[in-house]
Amino acid sequence: METTLLPFVTEFFTKLGIVTTSITVDVIWEDINIAIATPDSALLIGMHGKNIEIFQHLLSRMIERKTDKFIHVHLEVNDYMKLKDEKLCRFLDSKIAMVTSTWRSIRMPSLTSYERKKAHGYIADKNIKWLKTQSEWEGLERVLILSYTGDIINPIPTNTSKPSNSISQRSTPKEILLSEDGIGI
């Protein structure tokens, strides 16, 4: 399917007047990954990546008509989505550190559904037993909540002002964050 899709995708962007320096198409089951290098990236990406979503949708529907099966297209323009994901991961790491040090839940509004899905997956992959994510509300009000569960680590007793410097059987979340690999998350 890859060999028949490459000319189709190339023609799609050529007819739109988009100059491309390279296009690659990889098919994995019902997912099609299209990577484009172009000097016209601003036009394809749009403000906050909104145009990428539109082009992905259009290409998905057009390829579905051509193949008669459900297709999901992932469009990468000049590594924009890769860089955006890396920035999201750094942001999530800072929020994990905040929950770790305060044991308080953090609400993260203004994430797109894609970013919330990535966040749930990223945090699940870290396998931090005492950290929980959930999404609440609906539509534009939907938020991601990152919270300390207290399941594994007991918080510092209220009569103690700060944790001990040594790591004991009852380590605080901050101590575990700093002790696992020496660099934190």
N, C-alpha and C. Protein backbone atom coordinates (compact mmCIF):
# COMPACT_ATOMS: atom_id res chain seq x y z
N MET A 1 0.82 -1.20 0.00
CA MET A 1 0.00 0.00 0.00
C MET A 1 0.87 1.26 0.00
N GLU A 2 2.06 1.18 0.66
CA GLU A 2 2.94 2.35 0.73
C GLU A 2 3.31 2.87 -0.65
N THR A 3 3.62 1.96 -1.56
CA THR A 3 4.06 2.39 -2.89
C THR A 3 2.95 3.07 -3.67
N THR A 4 1.69 2.68 -3.42
CA THR A 4 0.59 3.33 -4.13
C THR A 4 0.18 4.64 -3.46
N LEU A 5 0.47 4.77 -2.15
CA LEU A 5 0.08 5.99 -1.45
C LEU A 5 1.05 7.15 -1.65
N LEU A 6 2.32 6.85 -1.82
CA LEU A 6 3.30 7.92 -1.98
C LEU A 6 2.97 8.84 -3.15
N PRO A 7 2.68 8.32 -4.35
CA PRO A 7 2.30 9.23 -5.45
C PRO A 7 1.01 9.99 -5.13
N PHE A 8 0.07 9.33 -4.47
CA PHE A 8 -1.20 9.99 -4.12
C PHE A 8 -0.96 11.16 -3.18
N VAL A 9 -0.16 10.94 -2.13
CA VAL A 9 0.14 11.99 -1.15
C VAL A 9 0.95 13.11 -1.80
N THR A 10 1.92 12.74 -2.62
CA THR A 10 2.72 13.74 -3.33
C THR A 10 1.83 14.62 -4.21
N GLU A 11 0.93 13.99 -4.94
CA GLU A 11 0.01 14.74 -5.81
C GLU A 11 -0.91 15.65 -4.98
N PHE A 12 -1.37 15.16 -3.83
CA PHE A 12 -2.23 15.96 -2.94
C PHE A 12 -1.57 17.29 -2.59
N PHE A 13 -0.32 17.23 -2.13
CA PHE A 13 0.37 18.45 -1.72
C PHE A 13 0.80 19.30 -2.92
N THR A 14 1.15 18.67 -4.02
CA THR A 14 1.53 19.40 -5.22
C THR A 14 0.35 20.22 -5.73
N LYS A 15 -0.84 19.60 -5.78
CA LYS A 15 -2.03 20.32 -6.26
C LYS A 15 -2.44 21.46 -5.34
N LEU A 16 -2.05 21.38 -4.07
CA LEU A 16 -2.31 22.48 -3.13
C LEU A 16 -1.27 23.60 -3.26
N GLY A 17 -0.24 23.34 -4.05
CA GLY A 17 0.81 24.35 -4.23
C GLY A 17 1.84 24.33 -3.11
N ILE A 18 1.91 23.23 -2.37
CA ILE A 18 2.88 23.10 -1.28
C ILE A 18 4.18 22.54 -1.85
N VAL A 19 5.28 23.25 -1.63
CA VAL A 19 6.59 22.79 -2.08
C VAL A 19 7.12 21.81 -1.03
N THR A 20 7.51 20.62 -1.47
CA THR A 20 8.07 19.63 -0.55
C THR A 20 9.46 19.23 -1.01
N THR A 21 10.35 19.03 -0.04
CA THR A 21 11.69 18.54 -0.37
C THR A 21 11.77 17.03 -0.20
N SER A 22 10.92 16.48 0.66
CA SER A 22 10.83 15.02 0.77
C SER A 22 9.50 14.63 1.41
N ILE A 23 9.01 13.46 1.02
CA ILE A 23 7.79 12.89 1.59
C ILE A 23 8.05 11.40 1.79
N THR A 24 7.75 10.91 3.00
CA THR A 24 7.82 9.47 3.25
C THR A 24 6.47 9.01 3.78
N VAL A 25 6.11 7.80 3.40
CA VAL A 25 4.84 7.21 3.82
C VAL A 25 5.14 5.83 4.41
N ASP A 26 4.75 5.62 5.67
CA ASP A 26 4.88 4.32 6.33
C ASP A 26 3.50 3.86 6.75
N VAL A 27 3.18 2.60 6.42
CA VAL A 27 1.88 2.03 6.78
C VAL A 27 2.09 0.97 7.85
N ILE A 28 1.39 1.14 8.97
CA ILE A 28 1.41 0.17 10.06
C ILE A 28 -0.04 -0.13 10.42
N TRP A 29 -0.53 -1.28 9.95
CA TRP A 29 -1.94 -1.68 10.09
C TRP A 29 -2.84 -0.62 9.50
N GLU A 30 -3.70 0.00 10.31
CA GLU A 30 -4.59 1.04 9.79
C GLU A 30 -4.05 2.44 10.03
N ASP A 31 -2.80 2.54 10.44
CA ASP A 31 -2.17 3.84 10.66
C ASP A 31 -1.20 4.13 9.52
N ILE A 32 -1.29 5.36 9.04
CA ILE A 32 -0.39 5.80 7.99
C ILE A 32 0.39 7.00 8.53
N ASN A 33 1.70 6.87 8.58
CA ASN A 33 2.56 7.95 9.03
C ASN A 33 3.16 8.63 7.81
N ILE A 34 2.88 9.91 7.69
CA ILE A 34 3.39 10.70 6.57
C ILE A 34 4.31 11.77 7.14
N ALA A 35 5.56 11.77 6.69
CA ALA A 35 6.53 12.78 7.11
C ALA A 35 6.88 13.63 5.91
N ILE A 36 6.81 14.94 6.12
CA ILE A 36 7.05 15.88 5.03
C ILE A 36 8.12 16.88 5.46
N ALA A 37 9.07 17.13 4.59
CA ALA A 37 10.02 18.21 4.76
C ALA A 37 9.63 19.27 3.73
N THR A 38 9.45 20.50 4.21
CA THR A 38 8.96 21.55 3.32
C THR A 38 9.37 22.93 3.82
N PRO A 39 9.61 23.87 2.89
CA PRO A 39 9.81 25.25 3.29
C PRO A 39 8.47 25.94 3.60
N ASP A 40 7.36 25.28 3.25
CA ASP A 40 6.02 25.84 3.49
C ASP A 40 5.41 25.32 4.81
N SER A 41 6.25 25.08 5.81
CA SER A 41 5.77 24.47 7.05
C SER A 41 4.74 25.34 7.77
N ALA A 42 4.89 26.65 7.74
CA ALA A 42 3.94 27.53 8.43
C ALA A 42 2.53 27.34 7.88
N LEU A 43 2.42 27.16 6.59
CA LEU A 43 1.11 26.95 5.96
C LEU A 43 0.53 25.59 6.37
N LEU A 44 1.35 24.56 6.37
CA LEU A 44 0.86 23.22 6.73
C LEU A 44 0.58 23.08 8.23
N ILE A 45 1.38 23.72 9.07
CA ILE A 45 1.21 23.58 10.51
C ILE A 45 0.10 24.49 11.02
N GLY A 46 0.12 25.74 10.61
CA GLY A 46 -0.89 26.68 11.10
C GLY A 46 -0.64 27.06 12.54
N MET A 47 -1.51 27.92 13.07
CA MET A 47 -1.37 28.38 14.45
C MET A 47 -1.66 27.23 15.41
N HIS A 48 -0.69 26.93 16.27
CA HIS A 48 -0.82 25.88 17.28
C HIS A 48 -1.13 24.51 16.68
N GLY A 49 -0.72 24.28 15.44
CA GLY A 49 -0.89 22.97 14.82
C GLY A 49 -2.29 22.68 14.32
N LYS A 50 -3.14 23.68 14.22
CA LYS A 50 -4.53 23.45 13.78
C LYS A 50 -4.61 22.97 12.33
N ASN A 51 -3.75 23.48 11.47
CA ASN A 51 -3.80 23.05 10.06
C ASN A 51 -3.38 21.60 9.89
N ILE A 52 -2.43 21.14 10.71
CA ILE A 52 -2.02 19.73 10.62
C ILE A 52 -3.23 18.83 10.86
N GLU A 53 -4.04 19.17 11.85
CA GLU A 53 -5.25 18.38 12.14
C GLU A 53 -6.18 18.33 10.94
N ILE A 54 -6.33 19.46 10.27
CA ILE A 54 -7.21 19.53 9.10
C ILE A 54 -6.66 18.68 7.96
N PHE A 55 -5.36 18.82 7.68
CA PHE A 55 -4.75 18.03 6.61
C PHE A 55 -4.80 16.53 6.93
N GLN A 56 -4.57 16.17 8.18
CA GLN A 56 -4.67 14.75 8.59
C GLN A 56 -6.07 14.23 8.32
N HIS A 57 -7.07 15.00 8.70
CA HIS A 57 -8.46 14.59 8.51
C HIS A 57 -8.77 14.41 7.02
N LEU A 58 -8.40 15.40 6.23
CA LEU A 58 -8.65 15.33 4.78
C LEU A 58 -7.97 14.11 4.15
N LEU A 59 -6.70 13.92 4.48
CA LEU A 59 -5.97 12.78 3.92
C LEU A 59 -6.58 11.46 4.38
N SER A 60 -6.99 11.39 5.65
CA SER A 60 -7.63 10.16 6.15
C SER A 60 -8.87 9.82 5.35
N ARG A 61 -9.75 10.81 5.17
CA ARG A 61 -11.00 10.56 4.44
C ARG A 61 -10.74 10.20 2.99
N MET A 62 -9.79 10.88 2.35
CA MET A 62 -9.50 10.61 0.95
C MET A 62 -8.90 9.22 0.76
N ILE A 63 -8.00 8.84 1.66
CA ILE A 63 -7.38 7.51 1.57
C ILE A 63 -8.40 6.42 1.89
N GLU A 64 -9.30 6.70 2.84
CA GLU A 64 -10.38 5.74 3.14
C GLU A 64 -11.23 5.48 1.90
N ARG A 65 -11.57 6.52 1.17
CA ARG A 65 -12.35 6.35 -0.06
C ARG A 65 -11.59 5.52 -1.09
N LYS A 66 -10.29 5.73 -1.13
CA LYS A 66 -9.45 5.02 -2.10
C LYS A 66 -9.28 3.54 -1.73
N THR A 67 -9.20 3.23 -0.41
CA THR A 67 -8.91 1.87 0.04
C THR A 67 -10.14 1.12 0.57
N ASP A 68 -11.24 1.81 0.77
CA ASP A 68 -12.45 1.21 1.34
C ASP A 68 -12.25 0.62 2.73
N LYS A 69 -11.38 1.22 3.54
CA LYS A 69 -11.26 0.81 4.94
C LYS A 69 -10.83 1.99 5.79
N PHE A 70 -11.10 1.87 7.13
CA PHE A 70 -10.76 2.93 8.06
C PHE A 70 -9.25 3.14 8.09
N ILE A 71 -8.85 4.39 8.02
CA ILE A 71 -7.44 4.75 8.03
C ILE A 71 -7.25 5.93 8.97
N HIS A 72 -6.19 5.89 9.76
CA HIS A 72 -5.82 7.04 10.58
C HIS A 72 -4.48 7.55 10.06
N VAL A 73 -4.44 8.83 9.73
CA VAL A 73 -3.22 9.44 9.21
C VAL A 73 -2.56 10.27 10.31
N HIS A 74 -1.28 10.07 10.47
CA HIS A 74 -0.47 10.91 11.35
C HIS A 74 0.48 11.69 10.45
N LEU A 75 0.37 13.01 10.49
CA LEU A 75 1.15 13.88 9.62
C LEU A 75 2.23 14.58 10.43
N GLU A 76 3.46 14.45 9.99
CA GLU A 76 4.61 15.09 10.64
C GLU A 76 5.22 16.06 9.64
N VAL A 77 5.28 17.34 10.01
CA VAL A 77 5.84 18.37 9.14
C VAL A 77 7.07 18.96 9.80
N ASN A 78 8.22 18.73 9.18
CA ASN A 78 9.50 19.25 9.69
C ASN A 78 9.70 18.95 11.18
N ASP A 79 9.31 17.76 11.64
CA ASP A 79 9.46 17.32 13.03
C ASP A 79 8.68 18.19 14.03
N TYR A 80 7.66 18.90 13.58
CA TYR A 80 6.87 19.75 14.47
C TYR A 80 6.23 18.95 15.60
N MET A 81 5.56 17.85 15.28
CA MET A 81 4.87 17.07 16.31
C MET A 81 5.86 16.43 17.28
N LYS A 82 7.00 15.99 16.78
CA LYS A 82 8.03 15.40 17.64
C LYS A 82 8.51 16.44 18.66
N LEU A 83 8.80 17.64 18.20
CA LEU A 83 9.26 18.71 19.09
C LEU A 83 8.17 19.12 20.07
N LYS A 84 6.93 19.13 19.60
CA LYS A 84 5.80 19.47 20.47
C LYS A 84 5.64 18.40 21.57
N ASP A 85 5.79 17.13 21.21
CA ASP A 85 5.70 16.05 22.19
C ASP A 85 6.83 16.15 23.22
N GLU A 86 8.04 16.48 22.78
CA GLU A 86 9.17 16.64 23.70
C GLU A 86 8.90 17.77 24.69
N LYS A 87 8.34 18.87 24.19
CA LYS A 87 8.01 20.00 25.06
C LYS A 87 6.93 19.60 26.07
N LEU A 88 5.94 18.85 25.62
CA LEU A 88 4.88 18.37 26.52
C LEU A 88 5.48 17.48 27.61
N CYS A 89 6.41 16.61 27.25
CA CYS A 89 7.03 15.71 28.24
C CYS A 89 7.82 16.50 29.28
N ARG A 90 8.54 17.54 28.86
CA ARG A 90 9.26 18.38 29.83
C ARG A 90 8.27 19.07 30.76
N PHE A 91 7.16 19.56 30.22
CA PHE A 91 6.11 20.20 31.01
C PHE A 91 5.55 19.20 32.04
N LEU A 92 5.25 17.98 31.58
CA LEU A 92 4.70 16.95 32.48
C LEU A 92 5.71 16.57 33.56
N ASP A 93 6.99 16.49 33.21
CA ASP A 93 8.01 16.19 34.21
C ASP A 93 8.01 17.25 35.31
N SER A 94 7.85 18.51 34.93
CA SER A 94 7.83 19.58 35.95
C SER A 94 6.59 19.45 36.84
N LYS A 95 5.47 19.04 36.27
CA LYS A 95 4.25 18.86 37.06
C LYS A 95 4.36 17.64 37.98
N ILE A 96 5.01 16.57 37.50
CA ILE A 96 5.23 15.39 38.34
C ILE A 96 6.09 15.79 39.54
N ALA A 97 7.13 16.58 39.30
CA ALA A 97 8.00 17.04 40.39
C ALA A 97 7.21 17.89 41.38
N MET A 98 6.28 18.71 40.88
CA MET A 98 5.48 19.55 41.76
C MET A 98 4.56 18.69 42.65
N VAL A 99 3.90 17.70 42.06
CA VAL A 99 3.04 16.81 42.84
C VAL A 99 3.89 16.04 43.85
N THR A 100 5.08 15.64 43.43
CA THR A 100 5.99 14.91 44.29
C THR A 100 6.38 15.72 45.53
N SER A 101 6.63 16.98 45.33
CA SER A 101 7.10 17.81 46.45
C SER A 101 5.97 18.35 47.32
N THR A 102 4.77 18.47 46.78
CA THR A 102 3.67 19.07 47.56
C THR A 102 2.58 18.08 47.95
N TRP A 103 2.51 16.91 47.28
CA TRP A 103 1.46 15.91 47.47
C TRP A 103 0.07 16.48 47.19
N ARG A 104 0.01 17.51 46.38
CA ARG A 104 -1.27 18.12 46.03
C ARG A 104 -1.58 17.85 44.57
N SER A 105 -2.86 17.73 44.28
CA SER A 105 -3.30 17.53 42.90
C SER A 105 -3.07 18.78 42.09
N ILE A 106 -2.83 18.57 40.81
CA ILE A 106 -2.65 19.68 39.88
C ILE A 106 -3.67 19.51 38.76
N ARG A 107 -4.39 20.58 38.45
CA ARG A 107 -5.32 20.58 37.33
C ARG A 107 -4.62 21.24 36.15
N MET A 108 -4.72 20.58 35.00
CA MET A 108 -4.09 21.12 33.81
C MET A 108 -5.15 21.35 32.74
N PRO A 109 -5.72 22.56 32.73
CA PRO A 109 -6.68 22.87 31.67
C PRO A 109 -5.94 23.23 30.39
N SER A 110 -6.66 23.49 29.37
CA SER A 110 -6.11 23.97 28.10
C SER A 110 -5.24 22.95 27.37
N LEU A 111 -5.35 21.68 27.70
CA LEU A 111 -4.67 20.66 26.91
C LEU A 111 -5.65 20.14 25.87
N THR A 112 -5.15 19.87 24.69
CA THR A 112 -6.02 19.29 23.66
C THR A 112 -6.25 17.82 24.00
N SER A 113 -7.20 17.21 23.32
CA SER A 113 -7.45 15.79 23.56
C SER A 113 -6.20 14.96 23.23
N TYR A 114 -5.48 15.34 22.20
CA TYR A 114 -4.22 14.67 21.83
C TYR A 114 -3.21 14.78 22.97
N GLU A 115 -3.07 15.99 23.54
CA GLU A 115 -2.11 16.21 24.61
C GLU A 115 -2.51 15.45 25.88
N ARG A 116 -3.81 15.41 26.18
CA ARG A 116 -4.27 14.64 27.35
C ARG A 116 -3.97 13.16 27.17
N LYS A 117 -4.24 12.65 25.97
CA LYS A 117 -3.96 11.23 25.69
C LYS A 117 -2.48 10.94 25.82
N LYS A 118 -1.65 11.81 25.26
CA LYS A 118 -0.20 11.65 25.37
C LYS A 118 0.24 11.70 26.84
N ALA A 119 -0.35 12.61 27.61
CA ALA A 119 0.00 12.76 29.03
C ALA A 119 -0.34 11.50 29.81
N HIS A 120 -1.54 10.97 29.60
CA HIS A 120 -1.93 9.73 30.28
C HIS A 120 -0.94 8.61 29.95
N GLY A 121 -0.60 8.47 28.69
CA GLY A 121 0.32 7.42 28.26
C GLY A 121 1.73 7.63 28.79
N TYR A 122 2.20 8.86 28.73
CA TYR A 122 3.56 9.18 29.19
C TYR A 122 3.71 8.87 30.68
N ILE A 123 2.73 9.28 31.47
CA ILE A 123 2.80 9.07 32.91
C ILE A 123 2.61 7.59 33.24
N ALA A 124 1.74 6.91 32.52
CA ALA A 124 1.57 5.46 32.74
C ALA A 124 2.86 4.71 32.42
N ASP A 125 3.55 5.11 31.35
CA ASP A 125 4.81 4.47 30.98
C ASP A 125 5.90 4.67 32.03
N LYS A 126 5.84 5.76 32.78
CA LYS A 126 6.81 6.00 33.84
C LYS A 126 6.59 5.05 35.01
N ASN A 127 5.38 4.48 35.11
CA ASN A 127 5.06 3.48 36.13
C ASN A 127 5.35 3.98 37.55
N ILE A 128 4.89 5.18 37.85
CA ILE A 128 5.03 5.75 39.18
C ILE A 128 3.78 5.36 39.95
N LYS A 129 3.93 4.42 40.87
CA LYS A 129 2.78 3.80 41.55
C LYS A 129 1.92 4.81 42.32
N TRP A 130 2.51 5.82 42.87
CA TRP A 130 1.78 6.76 43.71
C TRP A 130 1.20 7.95 42.94
N LEU A 131 1.31 7.92 41.61
CA LEU A 131 0.83 9.03 40.78
C LEU A 131 -0.36 8.57 39.95
N LYS A 132 -1.40 9.37 39.91
CA LYS A 132 -2.61 9.02 39.18
C LYS A 132 -3.00 10.17 38.25
N THR A 133 -3.47 9.80 37.05
CA THR A 133 -4.00 10.82 36.14
C THR A 133 -5.45 10.50 35.85
N GLN A 134 -6.23 11.52 35.65
CA GLN A 134 -7.61 11.34 35.21
C GLN A 134 -8.06 12.61 34.51
N SER A 135 -9.01 12.44 33.62
CA SER A 135 -9.61 13.58 32.94
C SER A 135 -11.02 13.77 33.48
N GLU A 136 -11.38 15.02 33.67
CA GLU A 136 -12.72 15.34 34.18
C GLU A 136 -13.35 16.42 33.32
N TRP A 137 -14.65 16.52 33.44
CA TRP A 137 -15.50 17.46 32.72
C TRP A 137 -15.61 17.08 31.27
N GLU A 138 -16.23 17.92 30.48
CA GLU A 138 -16.49 17.62 29.07
C GLU A 138 -16.15 18.82 28.20
N GLY A 139 -15.95 18.53 26.94
CA GLY A 139 -15.75 19.58 25.94
C GLY A 139 -14.58 20.49 26.24
N LEU A 140 -14.79 21.80 26.07
CA LEU A 140 -13.73 22.78 26.28
C LEU A 140 -13.34 22.91 27.75
N GLU A 141 -14.19 22.44 28.66
CA GLU A 141 -13.90 22.52 30.09
C GLU A 141 -13.11 21.31 30.60
N ARG A 142 -12.81 20.35 29.72
CA ARG A 142 -12.13 19.12 30.13
C ARG A 142 -10.73 19.44 30.64
N VAL A 143 -10.36 18.85 31.77
CA VAL A 143 -9.05 19.07 32.37
C VAL A 143 -8.40 17.73 32.69
N LEU A 144 -7.09 17.75 32.75
CA LEU A 144 -6.31 16.59 33.18
C LEU A 144 -5.91 16.86 34.62
N ILE A 145 -6.12 15.88 35.49
CA ILE A 145 -5.75 16.02 36.89
C ILE A 145 -4.64 15.03 37.19
N LEU A 146 -3.58 15.55 37.75
CA LEU A 146 -2.43 14.76 38.16
C LEU A 146 -2.41 14.79 39.68
N SER A 147 -2.46 13.62 40.32
CA SER A 147 -2.55 13.62 41.78
C SER A 147 -1.74 12.51 42.42
N TYR A 148 -1.37 12.77 43.66
CA TYR A 148 -0.68 11.82 44.52
C TYR A 148 -1.73 10.92 45.14
N THR A 149 -1.55 9.60 45.03
CA THR A 149 -2.57 8.68 45.54
C THR A 149 -2.35 8.30 46.99
N GLY A 150 -1.12 8.36 47.46
CA GLY A 150 -0.84 7.96 48.83
C GLY A 150 -0.83 6.46 49.01
N ASP A 151 -0.96 5.71 47.91
CA ASP A 151 -1.02 4.25 48.01
C ASP A 151 0.29 3.62 48.44
N ILE A 152 1.40 4.14 47.99
CA ILE A 152 2.69 3.51 48.23
C ILE A 152 3.45 4.23 49.34
N ILE A 153 3.42 5.52 49.32
CA ILE A 153 4.25 6.31 50.21
C ILE A 153 3.36 7.08 51.18
N ASN A 154 3.64 6.96 52.46
CA ASN A 154 2.89 7.73 53.45
C ASN A 154 3.49 9.12 53.54
N PRO A 155 2.65 10.16 53.57
CA PRO A 155 3.20 11.51 53.68
C PRO A 155 3.88 11.72 55.03
N ILE A 156 4.64 12.78 55.12
CA ILE A 156 5.34 13.13 56.36
C ILE A 156 4.29 13.39 57.43
N PRO A 157 4.47 12.88 58.65
CA PRO A 157 3.52 13.18 59.72
C PRO A 157 3.48 14.68 59.96
N THR A 158 2.32 15.19 60.41
CA THR A 158 2.13 16.63 60.57
C THR A 158 3.03 17.23 61.63
N ASN A 159 3.54 16.46 62.59
CA ASN A 159 4.40 17.04 63.62
C ASN A 159 5.86 17.14 63.19
N THR A 160 6.20 16.68 61.98
CA THR A 160 7.56 16.77 61.47
C THR A 160 7.60 17.87 60.41
N SER A 161 8.56 18.78 60.54
CA SER A 161 8.59 19.90 59.61
C SER A 161 9.24 19.55 58.28
N LYS A 162 10.23 18.66 58.28
CA LYS A 162 10.82 18.28 57.01
C LYS A 162 11.29 16.83 57.07
N PRO A 163 11.42 16.18 55.91
CA PRO A 163 11.80 14.78 55.89
C PRO A 163 13.27 14.59 56.28
N SER A 164 13.58 13.41 56.72
CA SER A 164 14.94 13.02 57.04
C SER A 164 15.76 13.01 55.76
N ASN A 165 17.06 13.24 55.85
CA ASN A 165 17.92 13.23 54.67
C ASN A 165 18.24 11.83 54.20
N SER A 166 18.09 10.83 55.07
CA SER A 166 18.39 9.46 54.64
C SER A 166 17.15 8.80 54.10
N ILE A 167 17.35 7.88 53.16
CA ILE A 167 16.23 7.15 52.58
C ILE A 167 15.96 5.95 53.46
N SER A 168 14.75 5.87 53.96
CA SER A 168 14.37 4.78 54.85
C SER A 168 13.28 3.95 54.20
N GLN A 169 12.70 3.04 54.97
CA GLN A 169 11.62 2.23 54.43
C GLN A 169 10.41 3.09 54.11
N ARG A 170 10.23 4.17 54.81
CA ARG A 170 9.11 5.07 54.54
C ARG A 170 9.64 6.36 53.93
N SER A 171 10.08 6.28 52.72
CA SER A 171 10.63 7.44 52.02
C SER A 171 9.52 8.38 51.59
N THR A 172 9.84 9.64 51.53
CA THR A 172 8.88 10.61 51.01
C THR A 172 8.97 10.60 49.50
N PRO A 173 7.93 11.07 48.81
CA PRO A 173 7.98 11.10 47.34
C PRO A 173 9.19 11.87 46.81
N LYS A 174 9.55 13.00 47.45
CA LYS A 174 10.67 13.78 46.97
C LYS A 174 11.96 12.97 47.07
N GLU A 175 12.14 12.23 48.16
CA GLU A 175 13.34 11.43 48.31
C GLU A 175 13.42 10.35 47.25
N ILE A 176 12.29 9.74 46.92
CA ILE A 176 12.30 8.71 45.89
C ILE A 176 12.62 9.33 44.53
N LEU A 177 12.06 10.50 44.27
CA LEU A 177 12.33 11.17 43.00
C LEU A 177 13.82 11.42 42.84
N LEU A 178 14.50 11.84 43.90
CA LEU A 178 15.91 12.16 43.81
C LEU A 178 16.81 10.93 43.91
N SER A 179 16.30 9.84 44.50
CA SER A 179 17.17 8.70 44.76
C SER A 179 17.19 7.67 43.65
N GLU A 180 16.18 7.59 42.82
CA GLU A 180 16.11 6.49 41.84
C GLU A 180 17.26 6.50 40.87
N ASP A 181 17.58 7.62 40.28
CA ASP A 181 18.68 7.65 39.32
C ASP A 181 19.62 8.83 39.56
N GLY A 182 19.37 9.58 40.62
CA GLY A 182 20.25 10.67 40.97
C GLY A 182 20.00 11.96 40.22
N ILE A 183 19.13 11.94 39.22
CA ILE A 183 18.92 13.15 38.44
C ILE A 183 17.49 13.65 38.52
N GLY A 184 16.61 12.93 39.17
CA GLY A 184 15.21 13.31 39.20
C GLY A 184 14.53 12.89 37.91
N ILE A 185 13.32 13.34 37.72
CA ILE A 185 12.54 12.96 36.55
C ILE A 185 12.78 13.93 35.43
